[in-house]
Structures are given as structure tokens and as C-alpha cells.
């Protein structure tokens, strides 16, 4: 029993010493700070700055309007000229469209009237041809010479408007004239059935062809006017974009984060490229730590680690993302939290902690401190049990 107590005591002391030495000699950081890159919003153009009042540290969302710039002296002469040219092209297009519509209406009415006139003309020619053939049949059936008392009958059936003065009225001539009349009417009827009217004033097909040609020309001019208008509008849109860019406009947040610093006051005139605001990008949160040379030389990029915020028992998985070494002041030029002099005297390491990035802007813990661990410690199993 006496030796049993001694053995238990020795084992207890050995375990305690093992835990103490293991915890103290495990690779750990001297300090660790939750950090994030700072995004600087610069003036895209020169102009007057308008900025609403906002508290430092307030949350900002991607796309949120932070300020605006307006340049009242931007040159708009070229844009105004292009807009005038666009309106002139639109007026020319409208004029051509009106002429085209009117000519198409005239053509439709003329085609309608032509159809009616053709039917009536065909009826007229058919009727004239029928009577002319009847008169010819009568003359051919009566072979005797015309007596003076038949002069009135001959005058009724013979259309001799082309007879020479003093030309004798003979039966043969009357018969020949009647045959000629029948042939002329047949030719005129055949031509009319083919939409060719030989009588003066009835050949409207040529007029319709002329109108079709003019309509085709107007359609071509209308398409050309549309292309010209579209080309001028495209040039005007490009010029409008250029003028708008020179005029200024709203400045939007490019990150999800915190309102960190104001570099220019509301109402001042700024120049293109001047820094105006600084925002902290909470979605790019990382942890910057400093370690001893012994611990630093045992680290590699991509190596797993753990991080615990000060004042809490939560331990988060992490990954070594950067080994900047000693005197790493230059890598903090665009970081929210600058390193202390003591930090720069040691070796700088940056960790990515996914849990901090996924927390969003509501849990953007910039500036909070803690400790990072790179080796397995004797009490890690117990810590994992009580997580």
C-alpha cells in the first residue's frame, strides 16, 4: 500500500509535468489579431463631392451608395450636336415613311379602279365586237350595190371617219371598212384581256409599274434612313456614356464590410483619382499573428492550425496562408490593423479562418485578439470534448 501511493504520486506528478511542459512548448503565437484588407474608394472624375453623414464602423453592403460626385462644367457640345443630328435623321425617316404610306395608298386605289375599269372596258369591247360582227354579217349577206335610197343605211353601218374628202361611197369600201372594224376590235379585246389597253387613257398598267418602282425606291430610302438613325443613336449613346462618366454619379460600395475612414469632407471639390473613403472588406477577414523563430521555421503554407478568440472558449480551424517573416511592415500597408513594434520584432504569419469569414458583417470582429496554435497539445482532446 505504501509503495502503491508512491507510484500513484509519481505518475500524477509526471502527468502534470507532461501536460505543463507540452502546453508550454507547443507551437503557439505570442499574439493574434483579427484583421482585414482596406479598400479605398477613389474619385472617378473631378467634381463636387456630396457625402451623407455616416458613423464610423457602420455596416455597408455591396452596391450601397456611399457618396456622389457632380461636375457642372463638363463639355456637352458634342453630345448636343449628336442629339440634334439624331432628331434630324428621325424627321427624315418620318418624312420618307409618310411619302411611302401615301404612295402605297395611291397605288392601292389606282389598282382598285384599274380592276373596275378593266371589267367595264372588256364589256365595252365585247359589245362593240358583237355588233361589228353582226353588221359585217349583214353586209356580207347583201351583195347588191347600195342604192341612193340606201345611203342612210350605209351611213348607219359604216364608220368612215377616216374616209378622204370626195371619196365615193362604194359597197366594197363599206364592206372592207366593216371587216377592218371587226379585226381592230378583236385585237383590242385580246390586248385588253392581257391587261394592255390600246385606247388612249386606259393603259394604266404602266402607271402602276411606275408607282411600284417609286415605292421600291422609297422603301430603300426608308431602310437607309433607319440605318443612319441607328448609327447616329449609337454614337450619341457612346457620347452620353462618356459625358456621364465625366459628369460623375454615385459611388457605390464594392465590398461587404465596415465604414472605416473618411478622407474628404462633404462639399469639397475633388480631382480624379483622389482617395475619398476607406472600407474594410469583412469577407476577406484573416488573422495576423507573430511567432518565435523556432515556431516560424516549422511552419509551411497550407498547414492546419487553430485559433481561439480572447475571452471565449471557442476554437476555430485555420490554415496558414502567408509567411511574411521578420520586419513585415510593408504587407500591412492596406490592412485595417497595423502591427505593433513588438509584433514586427517577431515573425509574421497570416491565417485564414473560414468561420470568421462566414460570419458576415454582423460579426466582423476586426481588431479582436486571441491566440493561434500550430501543434497538438496534451489537452486538445479535452478541449474538443467541451466544444
Protein backbone atom coordinates (compact mmCIF):
# COMPACT_ATOMS: atom_id res chain seq x y z
CA UNK A 1 0.00 0.00 0.00
CA UNK A 2 2.84 2.28 0.90
CA UNK A 3 4.52 1.70 -2.48
CA UNK A 4 1.21 1.98 -4.31
CA UNK A 5 0.65 5.51 -3.07
CA UNK A 6 4.18 6.40 -4.02
CA UNK A 7 3.69 5.06 -7.56
CA UNK A 8 0.38 6.92 -7.94
CA UNK A 9 2.01 10.12 -6.75
CA UNK A 10 4.92 9.73 -9.16
CA UNK A 11 2.50 9.10 -12.07
CA UNK A 12 0.37 12.09 -11.13
CA UNK A 13 3.36 14.39 -10.93
CA UNK A 14 4.71 13.02 -14.21
CA UNK A 15 1.37 13.57 -15.94
CA UNK A 16 1.13 17.09 -14.61
CA UNK A 17 4.66 17.86 -15.71
CA UNK A 18 3.93 16.34 -19.14
CA UNK A 19 0.83 18.48 -19.52
CA UNK A 20 2.56 21.64 -18.36
CA UNK A 21 5.62 21.12 -20.50
CA UNK A 22 3.51 20.04 -23.51
CA UNK A 23 1.22 23.03 -23.24
CA UNK A 24 4.10 25.45 -22.85
CA UNK A 25 6.33 24.02 -25.53
CA UNK A 26 3.60 23.57 -28.17
CA UNK A 27 3.91 25.90 -31.14
CA UNK A 28 1.73 28.94 -30.40
CA UNK A 29 1.61 32.60 -31.29
CA UNK A 30 2.57 35.36 -28.94
CA UNK A 31 -0.41 37.42 -30.11
CA UNK A 32 -3.05 37.18 -32.82
CA UNK A 33 -5.27 39.92 -34.23
CA UNK A 34 -8.35 39.62 -36.42
CA UNK A 35 -7.51 41.75 -39.45
CA UNK A 36 -8.88 42.51 -42.93
CA UNK A 37 -7.82 44.42 -46.06
CA UNK A 38 -8.93 48.01 -46.53
CA UNK A 39 -10.50 49.08 -49.83
CA UNK A 40 -10.01 52.71 -50.87
CA UNK A 41 -12.80 54.40 -52.83
CA UNK A 42 -11.33 57.00 -55.21
CA UNK A 43 -12.92 59.76 -57.26
CA UNK A 44 -13.56 58.54 -60.84
CA UNK A 45 -13.83 62.13 -62.12
CA UNK A 46 -13.23 65.66 -60.95
CA UNK A 47 -16.18 67.46 -59.39
CA UNK A 48 -18.04 68.43 -56.25
CA UNK A 49 -18.33 65.71 -53.61
CA UNK A 50 -21.63 65.00 -51.86
CA UNK A 51 -21.45 62.63 -48.92
CA UNK A 52 -24.13 61.77 -46.40
CA UNK A 53 -23.20 61.62 -42.73
CA UNK A 54 -22.34 58.12 -41.57
CA UNK A 55 -20.91 56.74 -38.34
CA UNK A 56 -17.55 55.04 -38.32
CA UNK A 57 -17.80 51.29 -38.06
CA UNK A 58 -21.29 51.16 -39.56
CA UNK A 59 -22.07 48.23 -41.85
CA UNK A 60 -22.07 48.70 -45.62
CA UNK A 61 -23.39 46.33 -48.28
CA UNK A 62 -22.03 45.68 -51.75
CA UNK A 63 -23.62 48.17 -54.16
CA UNK A 64 -24.74 50.56 -51.43
CA UNK A 65 -24.46 54.26 -52.39
CA UNK A 66 -21.85 55.99 -50.25
CA UNK A 67 -21.38 59.35 -51.99
CA UNK A 68 -21.77 61.13 -55.32
CA UNK A 69 -19.71 63.44 -57.50
CA UNK A 70 -21.05 66.04 -59.93
CA UNK A 71 -19.09 68.19 -62.37
CA UNK A 72 -21.30 71.05 -63.63
CA UNK A 73 -18.65 72.20 -66.13
CA UNK A 74 -18.44 69.05 -68.25
CA UNK A 75 -18.43 69.70 -72.02
CA UNK A 76 -21.77 68.66 -73.60
CA UNK A 77 -21.39 70.34 -77.00
CA UNK A 78 -20.61 67.14 -78.90
CA UNK A 79 -23.48 65.30 -77.22
CA UNK A 80 -25.92 68.07 -78.08
CA UNK A 81 -24.78 68.03 -81.72
CA UNK A 82 -25.30 64.28 -81.93
CA UNK A 83 -28.74 64.53 -80.33
CA UNK A 84 -29.71 67.21 -82.88
CA UNK A 85 -28.41 65.04 -85.70
CA UNK A 86 -30.40 62.10 -84.36
CA UNK A 87 -33.61 64.16 -84.33
CA UNK A 88 -32.96 65.35 -87.89
CA UNK A 89 -32.45 61.76 -89.04
CA UNK A 90 -35.66 60.76 -87.24
CA UNK A 91 -37.53 63.58 -89.00
CA UNK A 92 -36.16 62.48 -92.39
CA UNK A 93 -37.18 58.90 -91.68
CA UNK A 94 -40.68 60.00 -90.69
CA UNK A 95 -40.99 62.06 -93.88
CA UNK A 96 -39.97 59.11 -96.07
CA UNK A 97 -42.36 56.84 -94.17
CA UNK A 98 -45.21 59.30 -94.80
CA UNK A 99 -44.43 59.52 -98.52
CA UNK A 100 -44.22 55.74 -98.73
CA UNK A 101 -47.54 55.31 -96.97
CA UNK A 102 -49.26 57.90 -99.20
CA UNK A 103 -47.86 56.36 -102.38
CA UNK A 104 -48.90 52.88 -101.32
CA UNK A 105 -52.41 54.21 -100.68
CA UNK A 106 -52.50 55.84 -104.12
CA UNK A 107 -51.25 52.64 -105.70
CA UNK A 108 -53.94 50.59 -103.90
CA UNK A 109 -56.71 52.95 -105.05
CA UNK A 110 -55.39 53.01 -108.59
CA UNK A 111 -55.18 49.21 -108.67
CA UNK A 112 -58.76 49.00 -107.42
CA UNK A 113 -60.00 51.48 -110.02
CA UNK A 114 -57.98 49.69 -112.70
CA UNK A 115 -59.75 46.42 -111.94
CA UNK A 116 -63.16 48.02 -112.27
CA UNK A 117 -62.16 49.92 -115.42
CA UNK A 118 -60.76 46.72 -116.99
CA UNK A 119 -64.01 44.83 -116.46
CA UNK A 120 -66.07 47.66 -117.92
CA UNK A 121 -63.69 48.09 -120.84
CA UNK A 122 -63.83 44.37 -121.61
CA UNK A 123 -67.62 44.52 -121.58
CA UNK A 124 -67.50 47.54 -123.87
CA UNK A 125 -65.13 45.85 -126.35
CA UNK A 126 -67.09 42.62 -126.34
CA UNK A 127 -70.31 44.53 -127.04
CA UNK A 128 -68.74 46.59 -129.82
CA UNK A 129 -67.21 43.46 -131.35
CA UNK A 130 -70.54 41.63 -131.27
CA UNK A 131 -72.34 44.47 -133.07
CA UNK A 132 -69.48 44.92 -135.55
CA UNK A 133 -69.60 41.23 -136.39
CA UNK A 134 -73.38 41.47 -136.80
CA UNK A 135 -73.03 44.42 -139.18
CA UNK A 136 -70.33 42.58 -141.13
CA UNK A 137 -72.60 39.55 -141.46
CA UNK A 138 -75.42 41.74 -142.80
CA UNK A 139 -73.13 43.39 -145.34
CA UNK A 140 -71.63 40.10 -146.47
CA UNK A 141 -75.11 38.58 -146.83
CA UNK A 142 -76.34 41.52 -149.03
CA UNK A 143 -74.20 41.50 -152.20
CA UNK A 144 -76.06 44.29 -154.13
CA UNK A 145 -74.73 47.77 -154.53
CA UNK A 146 -76.12 50.38 -152.34
CA UNK A 147 -78.78 52.50 -153.95
CA UNK A 148 -79.18 56.15 -153.14
CA UNK A 149 -82.19 55.32 -151.06
CA UNK A 150 -79.88 53.01 -149.04
CA UNK A 151 -77.50 55.90 -148.31
CA UNK A 152 -78.98 56.37 -144.88
CA UNK A 153 -78.44 52.66 -144.08
CA UNK A 154 -74.81 52.81 -145.24
CA UNK A 155 -74.19 55.87 -143.14
CA UNK A 156 -75.54 54.00 -140.15
CA UNK A 157 -73.31 50.94 -140.53
CA UNK A 158 -70.15 52.48 -141.95
CA UNK A 159 -67.78 54.32 -139.60
CA UNK A 160 -65.71 56.10 -142.21
CA UNK A 161 -64.35 58.93 -140.20
CA UNK A 162 -61.04 58.33 -141.96
CA UNK A 163 -62.55 58.50 -145.47
CA UNK A 164 -60.92 61.12 -147.69
CA UNK A 165 -63.00 64.12 -148.79
CA UNK A 166 -64.87 63.34 -152.03
CA UNK A 167 -64.09 59.61 -151.76
CA UNK A 168 -67.00 57.72 -153.35
CA UNK A 169 -69.08 55.57 -151.04
CA UNK A 170 -68.95 52.15 -152.64
CA UNK A 171 -70.29 48.87 -151.29
CA UNK A 172 -66.86 47.27 -151.45
CA UNK A 173 -65.37 50.02 -149.38
CA UNK A 174 -68.15 49.78 -146.82
CA UNK A 175 -67.65 46.02 -146.55
CA UNK A 176 -63.88 46.38 -146.23
CA UNK A 177 -64.32 49.01 -143.56
CA UNK A 178 -66.67 46.73 -141.60
CA UNK A 179 -64.14 43.88 -141.76
CA UNK A 180 -61.40 46.22 -140.64
CA UNK A 181 -63.56 47.35 -137.77
CA UNK A 182 -64.11 43.75 -136.61
CA UNK A 183 -60.39 42.93 -136.73
CA UNK A 184 -59.47 46.09 -134.82
CA UNK A 185 -62.00 45.30 -132.10
CA UNK A 186 -60.73 41.71 -131.84
CA UNK A 187 -57.17 42.93 -131.44
CA UNK A 188 -58.26 45.48 -128.83
CA UNK A 189 -60.22 42.80 -126.92
CA UNK A 190 -57.27 40.38 -126.91
CA UNK A 191 -54.97 43.13 -125.72
CA UNK A 192 -57.44 44.16 -123.00
CA UNK A 193 -57.69 40.55 -121.80
CA UNK A 194 -53.88 40.66 -121.45
CA UNK A 195 -54.19 43.87 -119.34
CA UNK A 196 -52.95 46.06 -122.22
CA UNK A 197 -55.37 48.78 -123.21
CA UNK A 198 -54.69 50.27 -126.61
CA UNK A 199 -57.17 53.13 -126.28
CA UNK A 200 -55.56 56.32 -125.01
CA UNK A 201 -56.23 56.91 -121.34
CA UNK A 202 -56.80 53.23 -120.49
CA UNK A 203 -53.17 51.96 -120.32
CA UNK A 204 -52.81 52.27 -116.54
CA UNK A 205 -50.51 49.26 -116.21
CA UNK A 206 -47.53 51.47 -116.96
CA UNK A 207 -48.69 53.87 -114.28
CA UNK A 208 -48.87 51.01 -111.77
CA UNK A 209 -45.36 49.87 -112.75
CA UNK A 210 -44.07 53.41 -112.25
CA UNK A 211 -45.69 53.56 -108.81
CA UNK A 212 -44.20 50.16 -107.87
CA UNK A 213 -40.76 51.40 -108.86
CA UNK A 214 -41.18 54.58 -106.83
CA UNK A 215 -42.43 52.57 -103.84
CA UNK A 216 -39.36 50.30 -104.07
CA UNK A 217 -37.09 53.36 -104.12
CA UNK A 218 -38.86 54.84 -101.08
CA UNK A 219 -38.54 51.54 -99.20
CA UNK A 220 -34.82 51.52 -99.91
CA UNK A 221 -34.52 55.13 -98.74
CA UNK A 222 -36.53 54.29 -95.62
CA UNK A 223 -34.17 51.42 -94.73
CA UNK A 224 -31.20 53.71 -95.34
CA UNK A 225 -32.75 56.35 -93.07
CA UNK A 226 -33.28 53.74 -90.36
CA UNK A 227 -29.63 52.66 -90.58
CA UNK A 228 -28.46 56.26 -90.46
CA UNK A 229 -30.63 56.99 -87.45
CA UNK A 230 -29.39 53.84 -85.67
CA UNK A 231 -25.76 54.81 -86.39
CA UNK A 232 -26.25 58.32 -85.03
CA UNK A 233 -28.08 56.96 -81.98
CA UNK A 234 -25.21 54.57 -81.28
CA UNK A 235 -22.71 57.42 -81.47
CA UNK A 236 -24.94 59.55 -79.22
CA UNK A 237 -25.19 56.72 -76.66
CA UNK A 238 -21.41 56.36 -76.57
CA UNK A 239 -21.02 60.09 -76.16
CA UNK A 240 -23.70 60.12 -73.45
CA UNK A 241 -21.80 57.45 -71.54
CA UNK A 242 -18.60 59.44 -71.88
CA UNK A 243 -20.31 62.62 -70.66
CA UNK A 244 -21.95 60.77 -67.77
CA UNK A 245 -18.61 59.34 -66.76
CA UNK A 246 -17.11 62.81 -66.84
CA UNK A 247 -20.10 64.26 -65.02
CA UNK A 248 -19.70 61.83 -62.16
CA UNK A 249 -22.50 60.00 -60.45
CA UNK A 250 -22.97 57.75 -57.48
CA UNK A 251 -20.11 56.00 -55.71
CA UNK A 252 -21.09 52.51 -54.57
CA UNK A 253 -19.52 50.13 -52.12
CA UNK A 254 -17.53 47.37 -53.76
CA UNK A 255 -17.40 45.12 -50.67
CA UNK A 256 -19.42 43.80 -47.76
CA UNK A 257 -17.81 45.35 -44.75
CA UNK A 258 -17.43 48.34 -42.45
CA UNK A 259 -17.27 52.09 -42.97
CA UNK A 260 -13.71 52.64 -41.85
CA UNK A 261 -12.33 56.09 -42.70
CA UNK A 262 -13.38 59.38 -44.38
CA UNK A 263 -10.61 61.12 -46.32
CA UNK A 264 -12.55 64.07 -47.83
CA UNK A 265 -15.26 66.29 -46.40
CA UNK A 266 -18.71 66.77 -47.84
CA UNK A 267 -18.98 69.57 -50.41
CA UNK A 268 -15.30 69.85 -51.38
CA UNK A 269 -14.08 69.80 -54.96
CA UNK A 270 -12.02 66.70 -55.67
CA UNK A 271 -9.85 65.68 -58.59
CA UNK A 272 -9.88 62.44 -60.48
CA UNK A 273 -8.10 59.71 -58.53
CA UNK A 274 -8.33 61.41 -55.12
CA UNK A 275 -8.97 58.94 -52.25
CA UNK A 276 -12.36 59.61 -50.65
CA UNK A 277 -13.30 56.71 -48.36
CA UNK A 278 -11.87 53.53 -46.92
CA UNK A 279 -13.90 50.40 -46.29
CA UNK A 280 -12.97 47.17 -44.52
CA UNK A 281 -13.71 44.01 -46.51
CA UNK A 282 -15.16 41.64 -43.90
CA UNK A 283 -15.43 38.81 -46.41
CA UNK A 284 -11.62 38.77 -46.67
CA UNK A 285 -11.02 38.56 -42.91
CA UNK A 286 -7.79 36.91 -41.79
CA UNK A 287 -5.79 36.59 -38.58
CA UNK A 288 -2.29 38.07 -38.32
CA UNK A 289 -0.04 36.53 -35.70
CA UNK A 290 3.56 36.77 -34.59
CA UNK A 291 5.60 33.75 -33.57
CA UNK A 292 9.11 32.92 -32.45
CA UNK A 293 11.80 31.94 -34.88
CA UNK A 294 11.63 28.31 -33.73
CA UNK A 295 7.90 28.05 -34.39
CA UNK A 296 8.16 30.01 -37.64
CA UNK A 297 10.77 27.70 -39.14
CA UNK A 298 8.47 24.74 -38.56
CA UNK A 299 5.52 26.22 -40.45
CA UNK A 300 4.51 25.79 -44.11
CA UNK A 301 1.83 27.44 -46.22
CA UNK A 302 -1.34 25.35 -46.12
CA UNK A 303 -0.53 23.81 -42.76
CA UNK A 304 -3.57 23.40 -40.45
CA UNK A 305 -3.79 25.43 -37.26
CA UNK A 306 -6.34 26.53 -34.68
CA UNK A 307 -7.40 29.96 -33.44
CA UNK A 308 -9.12 30.96 -30.22
CA UNK A 309 -10.56 34.43 -29.62
CA UNK A 310 -9.57 36.01 -26.34
CA UNK A 311 -12.23 35.78 -23.64
CA UNK A 312 -14.01 32.85 -25.30
CA UNK A 313 -13.59 29.10 -25.30
CA UNK A 314 -14.45 28.71 -28.99
CA UNK A 315 -11.63 27.23 -31.04
CA UNK A 316 -11.79 27.63 -34.82
CA UNK A 317 -9.96 25.69 -37.50
CA UNK A 318 -7.48 27.74 -39.51
CA UNK A 319 -4.92 27.41 -42.28
CA UNK A 320 -1.54 29.05 -42.69
CA UNK A 321 -1.90 31.40 -45.67
CA UNK A 322 1.22 33.58 -45.60
CA UNK A 323 4.68 33.53 -44.02
CA UNK A 324 5.95 37.12 -44.15
CA UNK A 325 8.86 36.69 -41.74
CA UNK A 326 10.53 39.39 -39.65
CA UNK A 327 10.04 43.10 -40.23
CA UNK A 328 6.93 42.57 -42.36
CA UNK A 329 5.71 46.17 -42.11
CA UNK A 330 5.15 46.52 -45.89
CA UNK A 331 2.43 43.85 -46.02
CA UNK A 332 0.27 45.91 -43.66
CA UNK A 333 0.01 48.95 -45.93
CA UNK A 334 -3.60 48.13 -46.88
CA UNK A 335 -4.68 46.34 -43.71
CA UNK A 336 -7.16 47.65 -41.17
CA UNK A 337 -4.99 46.99 -38.09
CA UNK A 338 -1.33 47.97 -38.23
CA UNK A 339 1.23 45.78 -36.40
CA UNK A 340 2.83 46.87 -33.18
CA UNK A 341 6.58 47.33 -32.82
CA UNK A 342 6.78 44.16 -30.75
CA UNK A 343 4.91 42.29 -33.49
CA UNK A 344 7.43 43.43 -36.11
CA UNK A 345 10.31 42.23 -33.94
CA UNK A 346 8.99 38.67 -34.23
CA UNK A 347 7.99 36.62 -37.28
CA UNK A 348 4.72 37.42 -39.08
CA UNK A 349 2.22 34.71 -40.07
CA UNK A 350 -1.25 35.13 -41.60
CA UNK A 351 -4.05 32.61 -41.05
CA UNK A 352 -7.32 32.09 -42.89
CA UNK A 353 -10.16 31.25 -40.50
CA UNK A 354 -13.27 30.25 -42.52
CA UNK A 355 -15.58 30.65 -39.52
CA UNK A 356 -14.71 34.35 -39.25
CA UNK A 357 -15.26 34.98 -42.97
CA UNK A 358 -18.60 33.23 -42.98
CA UNK A 359 -19.86 35.24 -40.01
CA UNK A 360 -20.62 38.22 -42.30
CA UNK A 361 -20.63 41.92 -41.47
CA UNK A 362 -22.78 41.44 -38.38
CA UNK A 363 -19.87 39.58 -36.76
CA UNK A 364 -16.99 41.42 -38.35
CA UNK A 365 -14.56 41.18 -35.41
CA UNK A 366 -11.83 43.44 -36.76
CA UNK A 367 -9.33 44.27 -34.02
CA UNK A 368 -10.24 41.39 -31.68
CA UNK A 369 -7.27 39.46 -30.29
CA UNK A 370 -6.62 35.84 -29.46
CA UNK A 371 -4.06 33.06 -29.83
CA UNK A 372 -3.15 30.68 -32.60
CA UNK A 373 -1.78 27.15 -32.13
CA UNK A 374 0.14 25.08 -34.65
CA UNK A 375 0.91 21.83 -32.74
CA UNK A 376 -1.17 19.20 -30.97
CA UNK A 377 -1.35 19.91 -27.25
CA UNK A 378 -1.94 17.40 -24.45
CA UNK A 379 -5.32 18.88 -23.50
CA UNK A 380 -6.69 19.18 -27.08
CA UNK A 381 -8.81 16.06 -26.63
CA UNK A 382 -10.38 17.54 -23.52
CA UNK A 383 -10.94 20.85 -25.27
CA UNK A 384 -12.63 19.13 -28.21
CA UNK A 385 -14.86 17.28 -25.76
CA UNK A 386 -16.17 20.52 -24.27
CA UNK A 387 -16.53 22.48 -27.51
